[in-house]
Amino acid sequence: MEKINEKQLIKDILNGQTQHFGYFLTTYSSFVYSLISQLVPNPEDAEELTEDTFIKAFDTLSHFQGKSKFSTWLFRIAYNKAISFTRKRKILFEDKQLDNVSIAEADHLLFIEDSTEKVKKLQQCITLLKDEEKALIHLFIIKNMN
């Protein structure tokens, strides 16, 4: 499979071949939506913010300097869009405390042998994080998938 040269595609887009932007939509839309939905729980809002992210990326593509991967730049736009949205809507996120976990329960969680149960418990723990922390974990996972 031929590796796409994203920097060349960006140059082509900036030179008027805007149809090439479809590659970025196809390649990154599900990742962008996934990141945004970690911060914005309403699917319709997350979908709209995903669209807004790509519009902003297209409109400001000339500002992309190539010092990072395009995906990193795009995910930063998505993250900023989601944070701005939550601030504008004044969505209050509930801080949950882990102080109430007993030592016995913590030991049980650390030494689970069933991998399905481990994944379930990990997902439960992630829900206890602040939304910005969830987004960082999500970005870390995406970065390590590439």
C-alpha atoms as a PDB file:
ATOM      1  CA  MET A   1       0.000   0.000   0.000  1.00  0.00           C
ATOM      2  CA  GLU A   2       1.386   3.373  -1.020  1.00  0.00           C
ATOM      3  CA  LYS A   3       1.932   5.867   1.782  1.00  0.00           C
ATOM      4  CA  ILE A   4       0.254   9.211   1.145  1.00  0.00           C
ATOM      5  CA  ASN A   5       2.502  12.263   1.399  1.00  0.00           C
ATOM      6  CA  GLU A   6       0.274  14.568   3.440  1.00  0.00           C
ATOM      7  CA  LYS A   7       2.615  17.540   3.159  1.00  0.00           C
ATOM      8  CA  GLN A   8       2.454  17.322  -0.632  1.00  0.00           C
ATOM      9  CA  LEU A   9      -1.348  17.062  -0.480  1.00  0.00           C
ATOM     10  CA  ILE A  10      -1.432  20.213   1.631  1.00  0.00           C
ATOM     11  CA  LYS A  11       0.739  22.038  -0.909  1.00  0.00           C
ATOM     12  CA  ASP A  12      -1.586  20.867  -3.686  1.00  0.00           C
ATOM     13  CA  ILE A  13      -4.651  22.060  -1.762  1.00  0.00           C
ATOM     14  CA  LEU A  14      -3.057  25.446  -1.137  1.00  0.00           C
ATOM     15  CA  ASN A  15      -2.316  25.640  -4.881  1.00  0.00           C
ATOM     16  CA  GLY A  16      -5.999  25.253  -5.705  1.00  0.00           C
ATOM     17  CA  GLN A  17      -6.499  21.499  -5.850  1.00  0.00           C
ATOM     18  CA  THR A  18      -9.034  21.625  -3.020  1.00  0.00           C
ATOM     19  CA  GLN A  19     -10.556  18.241  -3.901  1.00  0.00           C
ATOM     20  CA  HIS A  20      -7.566  16.645  -2.147  1.00  0.00           C
ATOM     21  CA  PHE A  21      -8.936  17.810   1.199  1.00  0.00           C
ATOM     22  CA  GLY A  22     -11.334  14.862   0.968  1.00  0.00           C
ATOM     23  CA  TYR A  23      -8.408  12.613   1.898  1.00  0.00           C
ATOM     24  CA  PHE A  24      -8.145  14.328   5.283  1.00  0.00           C
ATOM     25  CA  LEU A  25     -11.904  14.103   5.842  1.00  0.00           C
ATOM     26  CA  THR A  26     -11.905  10.395   5.070  1.00  0.00           C
ATOM     27  CA  THR A  27      -8.765   9.639   7.041  1.00  0.00           C
ATOM     28  CA  TYR A  28      -9.388  11.635  10.212  1.00  0.00           C
ATOM     29  CA  SER A  29     -13.122  12.266  10.635  1.00  0.00           C
ATOM     30  CA  SER A  30     -13.787   9.268  12.875  1.00  0.00           C
ATOM     31  CA  PHE A  31     -10.776  10.087  15.084  1.00  0.00           C
ATOM     32  CA  VAL A  32     -11.813  13.732  15.380  1.00  0.00           C
ATOM     33  CA  TYR A  33     -15.395  12.774  16.220  1.00  0.00           C
ATOM     34  CA  SER A  34     -14.157  10.278  18.794  1.00  0.00           C
ATOM     35  CA  LEU A  35     -11.968  12.892  20.481  1.00  0.00           C
ATOM     36  CA  ILE A  36     -14.703  15.515  20.542  1.00  0.00           C
ATOM     37  CA  SER A  37     -17.302  13.069  21.851  1.00  0.00           C
ATOM     38  CA  GLN A  38     -15.041  12.480  24.870  1.00  0.00           C
ATOM     39  CA  LEU A  39     -15.570  16.128  25.804  1.00  0.00           C
ATOM     40  CA  VAL A  40     -19.031  16.788  24.380  1.00  0.00           C
ATOM     41  CA  PRO A  41     -21.441  13.986  25.248  1.00  0.00           C
ATOM     42  CA  ASN A  42     -24.270  15.032  22.924  1.00  0.00           C
ATOM     43  CA  PRO A  43     -23.748  13.197  19.577  1.00  0.00           C
ATOM     44  CA  GLU A  44     -25.336  15.973  17.492  1.00  0.00           C
ATOM     45  CA  ASP A  45     -23.095  18.605  19.085  1.00  0.00           C
ATOM     46  CA  ALA A  46     -20.042  16.374  18.622  1.00  0.00           C
ATOM     47  CA  GLU A  47     -20.937  15.867  14.962  1.00  0.00           C
ATOM     48  CA  GLU A  48     -21.352  19.606  14.404  1.00  0.00           C
ATOM     49  CA  LEU A  49     -18.053  20.337  16.141  1.00  0.00           C
ATOM     50  CA  THR A  50     -16.362  17.711  13.973  1.00  0.00           C
ATOM     51  CA  GLU A  51     -17.616  19.533  10.885  1.00  0.00           C
ATOM     52  CA  ASP A  52     -16.510  22.866  12.358  1.00  0.00           C
ATOM     53  CA  THR A  53     -13.055  21.403  13.013  1.00  0.00           C
ATOM     54  CA  PHE A  54     -12.587  20.446   9.366  1.00  0.00           C
ATOM     55  CA  ILE A  55     -13.925  23.795   8.171  1.00  0.00           C
ATOM     56  CA  LYS A  56     -11.450  25.615  10.408  1.00  0.00           C
ATOM     57  CA  ALA A  57      -8.625  23.307   9.307  1.00  0.00           C
ATOM     58  CA  PHE A  58      -9.425  23.985   5.662  1.00  0.00           C
ATOM     59  CA  ASP A  59      -9.752  27.745   6.217  1.00  0.00           C
ATOM     60  CA  THR A  60      -6.471  27.949   8.144  1.00  0.00           C
ATOM     61  CA  LEU A  61      -4.500  25.308   6.241  1.00  0.00           C
ATOM     62  CA  SER A  62      -1.992  27.937   5.169  1.00  0.00           C
ATOM     63  CA  HIS A  63      -1.069  28.313   8.864  1.00  0.00           C
ATOM     64  CA  PHE A  64      -0.023  24.672   9.138  1.00  0.00           C
ATOM     65  CA  GLN A  65       3.759  24.868   9.365  1.00  0.00           C
ATOM     66  CA  GLY A  66       4.558  21.179   9.112  1.00  0.00           C
ATOM     67  CA  LYS A  67       6.495  21.123  12.379  1.00  0.00           C
ATOM     68  CA  SER A  68       4.161  18.373  13.601  1.00  0.00           C
ATOM     69  CA  LYS A  69       2.027  15.781  11.903  1.00  0.00           C
ATOM     70  CA  PHE A  70      -1.121  17.098  10.265  1.00  0.00           C
ATOM     71  CA  SER A  71      -3.144  14.822  12.566  1.00  0.00           C
ATOM     72  CA  THR A  72      -1.617  16.450  15.663  1.00  0.00           C
ATOM     73  CA  TRP A  73      -2.491  19.911  14.347  1.00  0.00           C
ATOM     74  CA  LEU A  74      -6.013  18.788  13.441  1.00  0.00           C
ATOM     75  CA  PHE A  75      -6.611  17.124  16.824  1.00  0.00           C
ATOM     76  CA  ARG A  76      -5.506  20.313  18.548  1.00  0.00           C
ATOM     77  CA  ILE A  77      -8.105  22.264  16.572  1.00  0.00           C
ATOM     78  CA  ALA A  78     -10.733  19.664  17.524  1.00  0.00           C
ATOM     79  CA  TYR A  79      -9.738  19.781  21.190  1.00  0.00           C
ATOM     80  CA  ASN A  80      -9.893  23.586  21.245  1.00  0.00           C
ATOM     81  CA  LYS A  81     -13.305  23.544  19.524  1.00  0.00           C
ATOM     82  CA  ALA A  82     -14.677  21.111  22.098  1.00  0.00           C
ATOM     83  CA  ILE A  83     -13.276  23.044  25.065  1.00  0.00           C
ATOM     84  CA  SER A  84     -14.601  26.342  23.706  1.00  0.00           C
ATOM     85  CA  PHE A  85     -18.000  24.745  23.179  1.00  0.00           C
ATOM     86  CA  THR A  86     -18.182  23.453  26.734  1.00  0.00           C
ATOM     87  CA  ARG A  87     -17.159  26.818  28.128  1.00  0.00           C
ATOM     88  CA  LYS A  88     -19.685  28.708  26.013  1.00  0.00           C
ATOM     89  CA  ARG A  89     -22.476  26.357  27.004  1.00  0.00           C
ATOM     90  CA  LYS A  90     -21.266  26.422  30.585  1.00  0.00           C
ATOM     91  CA  ILE A  91     -21.563  22.686  30.809  1.00  0.00           C
ATOM     92  CA  LEU A  92     -20.589  21.717  34.292  1.00  0.00           C
ATOM     93  CA  PHE A  93     -18.584  18.566  34.597  1.00  0.00           C
ATOM     94  CA  GLU A  94     -18.892  16.664  37.801  1.00  0.00           C
ATOM     95  CA  ASP A  95     -15.633  16.014  39.584  1.00  0.00           C
ATOM     96  CA  LYS A  96     -15.618  12.544  41.026  1.00  0.00           C
ATOM     97  CA  GLN A  97     -13.333  11.565  43.848  1.00  0.00           C
ATOM     98  CA  LEU A  98     -11.376   8.345  44.178  1.00  0.00           C
ATOM     99  CA  ASP A  99     -10.795   8.969  47.896  1.00  0.00           C
ATOM    100  CA  ASN A 100     -13.691   6.690  48.786  1.00  0.00           C
ATOM    101  CA  VAL A 101     -12.083   3.551  47.309  1.00  0.00           C
ATOM    102  CA  SER A 102     -11.097   1.080  50.025  1.00  0.00           C
ATOM    103  CA  ILE A 103      -7.705  -0.628  50.020  1.00  0.00           C
ATOM    104  CA  ALA A 104      -9.379  -4.004  49.522  1.00  0.00           C
ATOM    105  CA  GLU A 105     -11.271  -2.711  46.472  1.00  0.00           C
ATOM    106  CA  ALA A 106      -8.097  -1.153  45.050  1.00  0.00           C
ATOM    107  CA  ASP A 107      -6.225  -4.463  45.502  1.00  0.00           C
ATOM    108  CA  HIS A 108      -9.049  -6.305  43.766  1.00  0.00           C
ATOM    109  CA  LEU A 109      -8.894  -3.884  40.828  1.00  0.00           C
ATOM    110  CA  LEU A 110      -5.123  -4.213  40.516  1.00  0.00           C
ATOM    111  CA  PHE A 111      -5.078  -8.000  40.502  1.00  0.00           C
ATOM    112  CA  ILE A 112      -8.009  -8.903  38.248  1.00  0.00           C
ATOM    113  CA  GLU A 113      -7.064 -11.882  36.100  1.00  0.00           C
ATOM    114  CA  ASP A 114      -9.967 -11.805  33.618  1.00  0.00           C
ATOM    115  CA  SER A 115      -8.927  -9.436  30.786  1.00  0.00           C
ATOM    116  CA  THR A 116     -12.565  -8.645  29.923  1.00  0.00           C
ATOM    117  CA  GLU A 117     -13.170  -7.547  33.496  1.00  0.00           C
ATOM    118  CA  LYS A 118      -9.915  -5.529  33.435  1.00  0.00           C
ATOM    119  CA  VAL A 119     -11.082  -3.621  30.364  1.00  0.00           C
ATOM    120  CA  LYS A 120     -14.484  -2.998  31.971  1.00  0.00           C
ATOM    121  CA  LYS A 121     -12.895  -1.705  35.179  1.00  0.00           C
ATOM    122  CA  LEU A 122     -10.448   0.446  33.210  1.00  0.00           C
ATOM    123  CA  GLN A 123     -13.348   1.999  31.295  1.00  0.00           C
ATOM    124  CA  GLN A 124     -15.111   2.684  34.594  1.00  0.00           C
ATOM    125  CA  CYS A 125     -11.988   4.358  35.978  1.00  0.00           C
ATOM    126  CA  ILE A 126     -11.631   6.508  32.870  1.00  0.00           C
ATOM    127  CA  THR A 127     -15.171   7.823  33.394  1.00  0.00           C
ATOM    128  CA  LEU A 128     -13.971   9.200  36.744  1.00  0.00           C
ATOM    129  CA  LEU A 129     -11.375  11.425  35.068  1.00  0.00           C
ATOM    130  CA  LYS A 130     -11.862  15.052  34.156  1.00  0.00           C
ATOM    131  CA  ASP A 131     -12.798  15.518  30.516  1.00  0.00           C
ATOM    132  CA  GLU A 132      -9.452  17.082  29.627  1.00  0.00           C
ATOM    133  CA  GLU A 133      -7.700  14.024  31.111  1.00  0.00           C
ATOM    134  CA  LYS A 134      -9.956  11.704  29.093  1.00  0.00           C
ATOM    135  CA  ALA A 135      -9.046  13.598  25.940  1.00  0.00           C
ATOM    136  CA  LEU A 136      -5.324  13.265  26.693  1.00  0.00           C
ATOM    137  CA  ILE A 137      -5.686   9.501  27.118  1.00  0.00           C
ATOM    138  CA  HIS A 138      -7.613   9.361  23.866  1.00  0.00           C
ATOM    139  CA  LEU A 139      -4.907  11.328  22.038  1.00  0.00           C
ATOM    140  CA  PHE A 140      -2.227   9.066  23.539  1.00  0.00           C
ATOM    141  CA  ILE A 141      -4.047   5.973  22.262  1.00  0.00           C
ATOM    142  CA  ILE A 142      -4.506   7.464  18.794  1.00  0.00           C
ATOM    143  CA  LYS A 143      -0.846   8.525  18.630  1.00  0.00           C
ATOM    144  CA  ASN A 144       0.291   5.012  19.529  1.00  0.00           C
ATOM    145  CA  MET A 145      -1.980   3.489  16.870  1.00  0.00           C
ATOM    146  CA  ASN A 146      -0.130   5.340  14.083  1.00  0.00           C
END
